[in-house]
């Protein structure tokens, strides 16, 4: 047995480069969403379990198989959040914000689902997302999708992804459709996958989203959801598509796109890729009119999306920004204090500085190169006696002797 401490399966330590990549994605989405009027919000990473059980649907995979649920010391049932929308809607209700509509929120952070780890899928994963509540009209759908499309473009992954879109209609339309779909699927009980047999009893609509080849062949001849949509849903979907066309946003109508959460209605969409194996969705969402009322709040419509940060990192070419960096090398411990003082003054000028603490000069210069420093400032006894410092360009090897009173302005000039 290996006694070495390990991270829990399906979790990942975010080291410095991972955090740089994470922040790169978050900063881009934050800036773009702000251009669309979305403001930041942060909700707790755990909620009372009913926040998710009442909203995601008792038959959804998340509730039946994937939620991290436990009882705290007060015997309250708590769940680590598996997605962001329900928490945002709960926050609106809890904070009495129902009158502040439209409400436009941007969020990011960790989510938790117990599922088999694979490429682009972890048990603790991270999402960015936006929610727009209080606007029923199709303009909200178009704006939310346009925001996601802008993120895709800025990350330069538009050639690696496609926008799939569908309309689920309203709840009454779906009930009639689900009954006919179930009647059709019951004829193929002996051919359906194990998961689809379970869904047939709990939520047949989810079978349309099956990845099983046997299920897919059966679904091809199943009743079509779009034939059950009422005139209002048809007109709304038509206007959404026209809005996307007006913005030159390309899309594919996918009649089998239902998403995994029960609260969706009317517009639903996914930006998908074939570059991440089975984890094809990179940004996905839809309309959830009725969710707030279901949670005990006002009857306020909403639409939003979430994107997996880990998946976006895997697809994107992260633009590395090399920070300007200085290493200060005191030669002789008696020169430490003057070097510390210089380092502090440079840091106050917003310059990144590393102090070199040990080893001979050659080793310290080697370490400065390893840290990707642009310059090294060397201060020894000879330099102190001359009230100066030696500044070495670590890329060219060129070095200059600069008097200490002028060194800060000199460093600012060569760096900026």
Protein backbone atom coordinates (compact mmCIF):
# COMPACT_ATOMS: atom_id res chain seq x y z
CA UNK A 1 0.00 0.00 0.00
CA UNK A 2 1.31 3.44 -0.95
CA UNK A 3 1.28 5.63 2.15
CA UNK A 4 2.25 8.77 0.23
CA UNK A 5 -0.40 11.44 0.56
CA UNK A 6 -2.27 11.95 -2.70
CA UNK A 7 -4.98 14.30 -3.90
CA UNK A 8 -8.44 12.74 -3.86
CA UNK A 9 -9.28 11.01 -7.16
CA UNK A 10 -10.86 13.45 -9.58
CA UNK A 11 -9.30 16.52 -7.98
CA UNK A 12 -6.31 18.47 -9.19
CA UNK A 13 -3.73 20.73 -7.56
CA UNK A 14 -3.64 24.05 -9.38
CA UNK A 15 0.05 24.96 -9.42
CA UNK A 16 1.31 28.33 -10.61
CA UNK A 17 0.95 27.63 -14.36
CA UNK A 18 -2.52 26.14 -13.79
CA UNK A 19 -3.55 29.24 -11.87
CA UNK A 20 -2.18 31.46 -14.62
CA UNK A 21 -4.27 29.55 -17.19
CA UNK A 22 -7.33 29.61 -14.90
CA UNK A 23 -7.05 33.36 -14.38
CA UNK A 24 -6.49 33.91 -18.10
CA UNK A 25 -9.86 32.32 -18.90
CA UNK A 26 -11.65 34.02 -15.99
CA UNK A 27 -10.26 37.45 -16.87
CA UNK A 28 -11.36 37.17 -20.50
CA UNK A 29 -14.89 36.04 -19.60
CA UNK A 30 -15.13 38.65 -16.86
CA UNK A 31 -14.15 41.45 -19.24
CA UNK A 32 -16.41 40.30 -22.07
CA UNK A 33 -19.41 39.71 -19.80
CA UNK A 34 -18.89 43.16 -18.25
CA UNK A 35 -19.17 44.62 -21.76
CA UNK A 36 -22.63 43.02 -21.90
CA UNK A 37 -23.59 44.49 -18.53
CA UNK A 38 -23.03 41.43 -16.33
CA UNK A 39 -21.77 42.11 -12.82
CA UNK A 40 -19.78 39.71 -10.59
CA UNK A 41 -21.45 37.58 -7.94
CA UNK A 42 -20.13 34.82 -5.68
CA UNK A 43 -22.34 32.29 -3.92
CA UNK A 44 -21.28 29.68 -1.30
CA UNK A 45 -19.79 26.45 -2.58
CA UNK A 46 -22.36 24.50 -0.53
CA UNK A 47 -26.11 24.96 -0.13
CA UNK A 48 -28.98 23.16 1.56
CA UNK A 49 -29.57 20.08 -0.59
CA UNK A 50 -33.11 21.12 -1.53
CA UNK A 51 -31.69 24.03 -3.54
CA UNK A 52 -30.47 21.44 -6.04
CA UNK A 53 -32.91 18.56 -5.52
CA UNK A 54 -35.91 20.82 -6.16
CA UNK A 55 -34.40 22.49 -9.21
CA UNK A 56 -32.24 20.00 -11.09
CA UNK A 57 -34.90 17.29 -11.12
CA UNK A 58 -35.03 14.08 -9.10
CA UNK A 59 -34.38 12.09 -12.29
CA UNK A 60 -31.33 14.04 -13.47
CA UNK A 61 -27.99 12.25 -13.41
CA UNK A 62 -26.60 14.95 -11.12
CA UNK A 63 -29.18 14.32 -8.39
CA UNK A 64 -29.37 10.53 -8.75
CA UNK A 65 -25.66 9.77 -9.10
CA UNK A 66 -23.33 12.72 -8.84
CA UNK A 67 -24.07 15.07 -5.93
CA UNK A 68 -21.74 15.31 -2.94
CA UNK A 69 -24.30 15.39 -0.13
CA UNK A 70 -23.69 15.10 3.60
CA UNK A 71 -25.12 16.10 6.97
CA UNK A 72 -23.36 18.77 9.00
CA UNK A 73 -23.09 18.83 12.81
CA UNK A 74 -26.57 20.34 13.07
CA UNK A 75 -27.94 17.38 11.06
CA UNK A 76 -28.73 19.71 8.14
CA UNK A 77 -28.38 18.06 4.73
CA UNK A 78 -25.79 20.01 2.74
CA UNK A 79 -24.64 19.59 -0.88
CA UNK A 80 -21.48 20.86 -2.54
CA UNK A 81 -22.74 22.84 -5.52
CA UNK A 82 -22.78 20.80 -8.76
CA UNK A 83 -23.66 23.85 -10.90
CA UNK A 84 -24.05 27.61 -10.55
CA UNK A 85 -27.53 28.65 -11.68
CA UNK A 86 -29.56 27.37 -8.71
CA UNK A 87 -27.25 29.14 -6.25
CA UNK A 88 -27.55 32.45 -8.11
CA UNK A 89 -31.36 32.19 -8.18
CA UNK A 90 -31.39 31.30 -4.47
CA UNK A 91 -29.20 34.35 -3.77
CA UNK A 92 -31.70 36.62 -5.54
CA UNK A 93 -34.54 35.22 -3.42
CA UNK A 94 -32.55 35.30 -0.15
CA UNK A 95 -31.40 38.88 -0.65
CA UNK A 96 -34.76 40.23 -1.78
CA UNK A 97 -33.53 41.24 -5.23
CA UNK A 98 -36.64 40.28 -7.19
CA UNK A 99 -37.42 43.95 -7.82
CA UNK A 100 -33.96 44.64 -9.27
CA UNK A 101 -34.68 43.31 -12.73
CA UNK A 102 -33.14 42.70 -15.14
CA UNK A 103 -30.53 40.99 -13.00
CA UNK A 104 -27.29 40.15 -14.84
CA UNK A 105 -24.68 38.10 -13.00
CA UNK A 106 -21.22 36.74 -13.85
CA UNK A 107 -19.64 34.05 -11.65
CA UNK A 108 -16.73 31.63 -11.54
CA UNK A 109 -15.50 29.00 -9.13
CA UNK A 110 -15.35 25.32 -8.23
CA UNK A 111 -18.23 22.85 -8.76
CA UNK A 112 -18.42 19.26 -7.52
CA UNK A 113 -19.81 16.11 -9.12
CA UNK A 114 -19.04 12.49 -8.35
CA UNK A 115 -18.39 11.01 -11.77
CA UNK A 116 -15.70 9.04 -13.56
CA UNK A 117 -12.67 11.32 -14.07
CA UNK A 118 -11.48 11.65 -17.66
CA UNK A 119 -10.05 14.26 -20.01
CA UNK A 120 -11.84 17.53 -19.37
CA UNK A 121 -13.92 16.06 -16.53
CA UNK A 122 -12.96 16.19 -12.85
CA UNK A 123 -14.87 15.69 -9.62
CA UNK A 124 -13.87 19.15 -8.53
CA UNK A 125 -13.98 21.25 -11.66
CA UNK A 126 -14.31 24.97 -12.32
CA UNK A 127 -16.81 26.98 -14.29
CA UNK A 128 -17.39 30.48 -15.56
CA UNK A 129 -20.99 31.46 -16.18
CA UNK A 130 -23.54 34.21 -16.66
CA UNK A 131 -27.22 34.50 -15.74
CA UNK A 132 -29.76 37.00 -17.10
CA UNK A 133 -33.06 37.13 -15.20
CA UNK A 134 -36.14 39.27 -15.73
CA UNK A 135 -36.27 39.41 -19.55
CA UNK A 136 -38.72 37.10 -21.32
CA UNK A 137 -38.13 38.29 -24.86
CA UNK A 138 -35.92 36.56 -27.40
CA UNK A 139 -33.42 39.46 -27.25
CA UNK A 140 -32.18 38.03 -23.95
CA UNK A 141 -31.52 34.65 -25.57
CA UNK A 142 -29.60 36.29 -28.40
CA UNK A 143 -27.57 38.49 -26.05
CA UNK A 144 -26.57 35.60 -23.80
CA UNK A 145 -25.54 33.42 -26.76
CA UNK A 146 -23.70 36.35 -28.37
CA UNK A 147 -21.71 36.81 -25.16
CA UNK A 148 -20.68 33.13 -25.22
CA UNK A 149 -19.81 33.40 -28.90
CA UNK A 150 -17.59 36.40 -28.17
CA UNK A 151 -15.75 34.36 -25.53
CA UNK A 152 -15.23 31.56 -28.07
CA UNK A 153 -13.88 34.08 -30.60
CA UNK A 154 -11.55 35.80 -28.15
CA UNK A 155 -10.12 32.46 -27.05
CA UNK A 156 -9.58 31.75 -30.76
CA UNK A 157 -11.37 28.40 -30.64
CA UNK A 158 -14.25 29.20 -33.03
CA UNK A 159 -12.77 26.80 -35.61
CA UNK A 160 -12.71 24.03 -33.00
CA UNK A 161 -16.33 24.41 -31.88
CA UNK A 162 -19.87 24.60 -33.21
CA UNK A 163 -23.03 26.10 -31.76
CA UNK A 164 -25.88 23.60 -31.43
CA UNK A 165 -29.30 24.99 -30.55
CA UNK A 166 -32.81 23.64 -29.96
CA UNK A 167 -36.15 24.59 -28.46
CA UNK A 168 -37.67 22.45 -25.71
CA UNK A 169 -40.99 24.32 -25.74
CA UNK A 170 -42.98 24.88 -22.55
CA UNK A 171 -43.75 22.36 -19.82
CA UNK A 172 -47.23 21.41 -21.10
CA UNK A 173 -45.91 20.75 -24.62
CA UNK A 174 -43.13 18.60 -23.22
CA UNK A 175 -45.51 16.53 -21.09
CA UNK A 176 -47.48 15.50 -24.17
CA UNK A 177 -44.30 14.82 -26.09
CA UNK A 178 -42.71 12.81 -23.26
CA UNK A 179 -45.79 10.55 -23.07
CA UNK A 180 -45.61 9.78 -26.80
CA UNK A 181 -41.84 9.37 -26.66
CA UNK A 182 -42.12 6.90 -23.78
CA UNK A 183 -44.78 4.89 -25.62
CA UNK A 184 -42.45 4.67 -28.62
CA UNK A 185 -39.37 3.71 -26.59
CA UNK A 186 -41.19 0.99 -24.65
CA UNK A 187 -41.26 -0.99 -27.88
CA UNK A 188 -37.44 -1.19 -27.72
CA UNK A 189 -36.93 -2.07 -24.06
CA UNK A 190 -34.79 -5.05 -24.94
CA UNK A 191 -32.43 -2.89 -27.02
CA UNK A 192 -32.07 0.25 -24.91
CA UNK A 193 -28.93 0.80 -22.85
CA UNK A 194 -29.01 0.24 -19.09
CA UNK A 195 -29.01 4.00 -18.35
CA UNK A 196 -31.82 4.60 -20.85
CA UNK A 197 -33.97 1.90 -19.28
CA UNK A 198 -33.71 3.79 -15.97
CA UNK A 199 -34.47 7.10 -17.70
CA UNK A 200 -37.46 5.55 -19.47
CA UNK A 201 -39.17 5.29 -16.09
CA UNK A 202 -37.97 8.61 -14.64
CA UNK A 203 -37.42 11.02 -17.56
CA UNK A 204 -37.61 9.64 -21.13
CA UNK A 205 -36.58 13.02 -22.54
CA UNK A 206 -33.03 12.44 -21.31
CA UNK A 207 -32.72 9.41 -23.60
CA UNK A 208 -32.51 11.81 -26.56
CA UNK A 209 -29.15 12.90 -25.15
CA UNK A 210 -27.80 9.34 -24.94
CA UNK A 211 -24.32 8.60 -26.33
CA UNK A 212 -25.06 4.86 -26.73
CA UNK A 213 -24.92 3.79 -30.39
CA UNK A 214 -27.89 1.42 -29.89
CA UNK A 215 -29.93 4.24 -28.34
CA UNK A 216 -28.99 6.65 -31.12
CA UNK A 217 -30.24 4.25 -33.81
CA UNK A 218 -33.57 3.86 -31.94
CA UNK A 219 -33.94 7.61 -31.44
CA UNK A 220 -33.64 8.31 -35.17
CA UNK A 221 -37.24 7.23 -35.74
CA UNK A 222 -38.67 8.57 -32.47
CA UNK A 223 -41.33 11.32 -32.40
CA UNK A 224 -39.79 14.77 -32.88
CA UNK A 225 -40.09 17.36 -30.14
CA UNK A 226 -40.36 20.29 -32.56
CA UNK A 227 -43.67 18.86 -33.84
CA UNK A 228 -45.16 19.36 -30.35
CA UNK A 229 -44.17 23.00 -29.83
CA UNK A 230 -46.99 25.51 -29.50
CA UNK A 231 -47.14 28.57 -31.73
CA UNK A 232 -45.58 30.89 -29.13
CA UNK A 233 -42.53 28.63 -28.67
CA UNK A 234 -42.18 28.23 -32.44
CA UNK A 235 -42.30 31.99 -32.95
CA UNK A 236 -39.85 32.62 -30.11
CA UNK A 237 -37.37 30.11 -31.53
CA UNK A 238 -37.73 31.64 -34.99
CA UNK A 239 -36.93 35.10 -33.60
CA UNK A 240 -33.92 33.76 -31.67
CA UNK A 241 -32.50 32.21 -34.84
CA UNK A 242 -33.12 35.41 -36.78
CA UNK A 243 -31.31 37.37 -34.06
CA UNK A 244 -28.30 35.08 -34.30
CA UNK A 245 -28.28 35.36 -38.10
CA UNK A 246 -28.40 39.14 -37.81
CA UNK A 247 -25.18 38.97 -35.74
CA UNK A 248 -23.61 36.47 -38.19
CA UNK A 249 -23.47 33.79 -35.49
CA UNK A 250 -23.52 30.39 -37.18
CA UNK A 251 -25.59 27.62 -35.60
CA UNK A 252 -26.82 24.07 -36.12
CA UNK A 253 -30.35 23.08 -35.08
CA UNK A 254 -30.01 19.86 -33.07
CA UNK A 255 -33.44 18.43 -32.29
CA UNK A 256 -31.97 15.91 -29.82
CA UNK A 257 -30.32 18.58 -27.67
CA UNK A 258 -32.17 18.49 -24.33
CA UNK A 259 -29.43 19.27 -21.75
CA UNK A 260 -29.15 17.37 -18.48
CA UNK A 261 -31.13 19.59 -16.12
CA UNK A 262 -34.90 19.50 -15.74
CA UNK A 263 -35.36 23.25 -15.33
CA UNK A 264 -34.65 24.14 -18.98
CA UNK A 265 -37.43 25.24 -21.34
CA UNK A 266 -37.60 26.81 -24.80
CA UNK A 267 -34.10 27.84 -25.97
CA UNK A 268 -31.27 25.46 -25.11
CA UNK A 269 -27.79 25.51 -26.65
CA UNK A 270 -24.27 24.12 -26.52
CA UNK A 271 -20.95 25.11 -28.03
CA UNK A 272 -19.45 21.69 -28.71
CA UNK A 273 -16.10 20.35 -29.91
CA UNK A 274 -14.75 17.01 -31.13
CA UNK A 275 -11.29 17.68 -29.68
CA UNK A 276 -11.94 16.50 -26.11
CA UNK A 277 -13.22 12.98 -26.59
CA UNK A 278 -16.65 12.35 -25.09
CA UNK A 279 -16.61 15.69 -23.24
CA UNK A 280 -17.92 17.68 -26.17
CA UNK A 281 -19.72 20.61 -24.47
CA UNK A 282 -17.46 23.55 -23.60
CA UNK A 283 -20.09 26.28 -23.04
CA UNK A 284 -23.73 25.32 -22.60
CA UNK A 285 -26.97 26.66 -21.22
CA UNK A 286 -30.52 27.65 -21.90
CA UNK A 287 -33.70 29.31 -20.69
CA UNK A 288 -35.14 28.41 -17.28
CA UNK A 289 -38.41 30.32 -16.96
CA UNK A 290 -40.23 29.08 -13.86
CA UNK A 291 -37.12 28.10 -11.90
CA UNK A 292 -37.37 30.99 -9.44
CA UNK A 293 -41.07 30.34 -8.82
CA UNK A 294 -40.26 26.65 -8.29
CA UNK A 295 -37.75 27.71 -5.61
CA UNK A 296 -40.37 29.78 -3.78
CA UNK A 297 -39.66 33.17 -5.32
CA UNK A 298 -41.41 35.38 -7.86
CA UNK A 299 -42.29 34.11 -11.33
CA UNK A 300 -39.28 35.64 -13.09
CA UNK A 301 -37.84 34.26 -16.36
CA UNK A 302 -34.14 33.56 -16.81
CA UNK A 303 -31.49 32.34 -19.21
CA UNK A 304 -27.78 31.67 -18.82
CA UNK A 305 -24.79 29.50 -19.60
CA UNK A 306 -21.73 27.99 -17.98
CA UNK A 307 -18.37 26.99 -19.41
CA UNK A 308 -15.87 24.49 -18.06
CA UNK A 309 -12.58 26.28 -17.36
CA UNK A 310 -10.51 23.08 -17.58
CA UNK A 311 -11.99 22.31 -21.00
CA UNK A 312 -11.48 25.86 -22.26
CA UNK A 313 -7.84 25.70 -21.12
CA UNK A 314 -7.32 22.42 -23.00
CA UNK A 315 -8.67 23.96 -26.22
CA UNK A 316 -7.16 27.42 -25.98
CA UNK A 317 -3.69 28.65 -26.81
CA UNK A 318 -2.96 30.64 -23.68
CA UNK A 319 -1.10 33.84 -24.43
CA UNK A 320 1.73 33.91 -21.93
CA UNK A 321 2.54 37.39 -20.70
CA UNK A 322 6.13 37.51 -19.50
CA UNK A 323 6.31 39.76 -16.48
CA UNK A 324 9.30 42.06 -16.17
CA UNK A 325 11.42 40.54 -13.46
CA UNK A 326 14.59 41.47 -11.53
CA UNK A 327 16.91 39.31 -9.44
CA UNK A 328 19.04 41.06 -6.80
CA UNK A 329 22.25 39.28 -5.83
CA UNK A 330 24.11 40.45 -2.70
CA UNK A 331 27.72 39.25 -2.77
CA UNK A 332 28.56 38.85 0.90
CA UNK A 333 26.06 38.79 3.75
CA UNK A 334 27.20 42.22 4.91
CA UNK A 335 25.47 43.62 1.80
CA UNK A 336 22.10 41.97 2.47
CA UNK A 337 20.45 44.98 4.10
CA UNK A 338 21.18 47.40 1.28
CA UNK A 339 19.89 44.80 -1.20
CA UNK A 340 16.70 44.27 0.83
CA UNK A 341 16.17 48.02 0.91
CA UNK A 342 16.63 48.28 -2.88
CA UNK A 343 14.27 45.32 -3.46
CA UNK A 344 11.57 46.96 -1.36
CA UNK A 345 11.86 50.26 -3.22
CA UNK A 346 11.59 48.49 -6.59
CA UNK A 347 8.56 46.49 -5.45
CA UNK A 348 6.89 49.72 -4.40
CA UNK A 349 7.34 50.78 -8.05
CA UNK A 350 5.37 47.66 -9.07
CA UNK A 351 8.48 45.79 -10.23
CA UNK A 352 8.76 42.07 -9.48
CA UNK A 353 11.93 41.28 -7.55
CA UNK A 354 13.52 38.02 -6.35
CA UNK A 355 16.24 38.05 -3.73
CA UNK A 356 19.03 35.53 -4.23
CA UNK A 357 19.97 34.17 -0.83
CA UNK A 358 22.61 31.46 -1.20
CA UNK A 359 25.32 29.97 -3.40
CA UNK A 360 28.26 31.49 -5.22
CA UNK A 361 27.78 34.18 -7.86
CA UNK A 362 27.71 31.71 -10.75
CA UNK A 363 25.02 29.61 -9.07
CA UNK A 364 22.95 32.68 -8.22
CA UNK A 365 23.10 33.96 -11.81
CA UNK A 366 22.07 30.51 -13.02
CA UNK A 367 19.10 30.61 -10.64
CA UNK A 368 18.16 34.11 -11.87
CA UNK A 369 18.00 32.74 -15.43
CA UNK A 370 15.88 29.83 -14.20
CA UNK A 371 13.46 32.35 -12.69
CA UNK A 372 13.26 34.05 -16.11
CA UNK A 373 14.57 37.32 -14.71
CA UNK A 374 15.26 40.02 -17.28
CA UNK A 375 18.09 41.57 -15.30
CA UNK A 376 20.28 40.80 -12.32
CA UNK A 377 21.49 43.52 -9.95
CA UNK A 378 24.79 42.51 -8.34
CA UNK A 379 25.98 44.33 -5.25
CA UNK A 380 29.29 43.38 -3.61
CA UNK A 381 31.89 45.13 -1.49
CA UNK A 382 33.48 46.83 -4.52
CA UNK A 383 30.09 48.18 -5.62
CA UNK A 384 29.30 49.44 -2.09
CA UNK A 385 32.63 51.25 -1.94
CA UNK A 386 31.77 52.97 -5.22
CA UNK A 387 28.12 53.63 -4.17
CA UNK A 388 27.01 51.66 -7.23
CA UNK A 389 25.53 48.37 -8.47
CA UNK A 390 26.24 46.15 -11.45
CA UNK A 391 23.18 45.62 -13.68
CA UNK A 392 23.46 42.62 -16.01
CA UNK A 393 21.12 41.93 -18.94
CA UNK A 394 20.53 38.19 -18.57
CA UNK A 395 19.57 37.75 -22.22
CA UNK A 396 22.59 39.49 -23.81
CA UNK A 397 25.15 39.33 -20.99
CA UNK A 398 25.75 43.07 -21.29
CA UNK A 399 26.33 44.80 -17.96
CA UNK A 400 26.56 48.38 -16.74
CA UNK A 401 27.67 50.00 -13.51
CA UNK A 402 24.96 52.34 -12.20
CA UNK A 403 25.21 54.60 -9.15
CA UNK A 404 22.79 53.60 -6.38
CA UNK A 405 20.93 56.97 -6.30
CA UNK A 406 20.08 56.53 -10.00
CA UNK A 407 19.41 52.79 -10.12
CA UNK A 408 15.64 52.83 -9.56
CA UNK A 409 15.03 55.27 -12.44
CA UNK A 410 17.47 53.28 -14.57
CA UNK A 411 15.62 50.01 -13.93
CA UNK A 412 12.26 51.65 -14.69
CA UNK A 413 13.65 52.99 -17.97
CA UNK A 414 15.07 49.69 -19.23
CA UNK A 415 12.03 47.65 -18.15
CA UNK A 416 9.25 49.96 -19.31
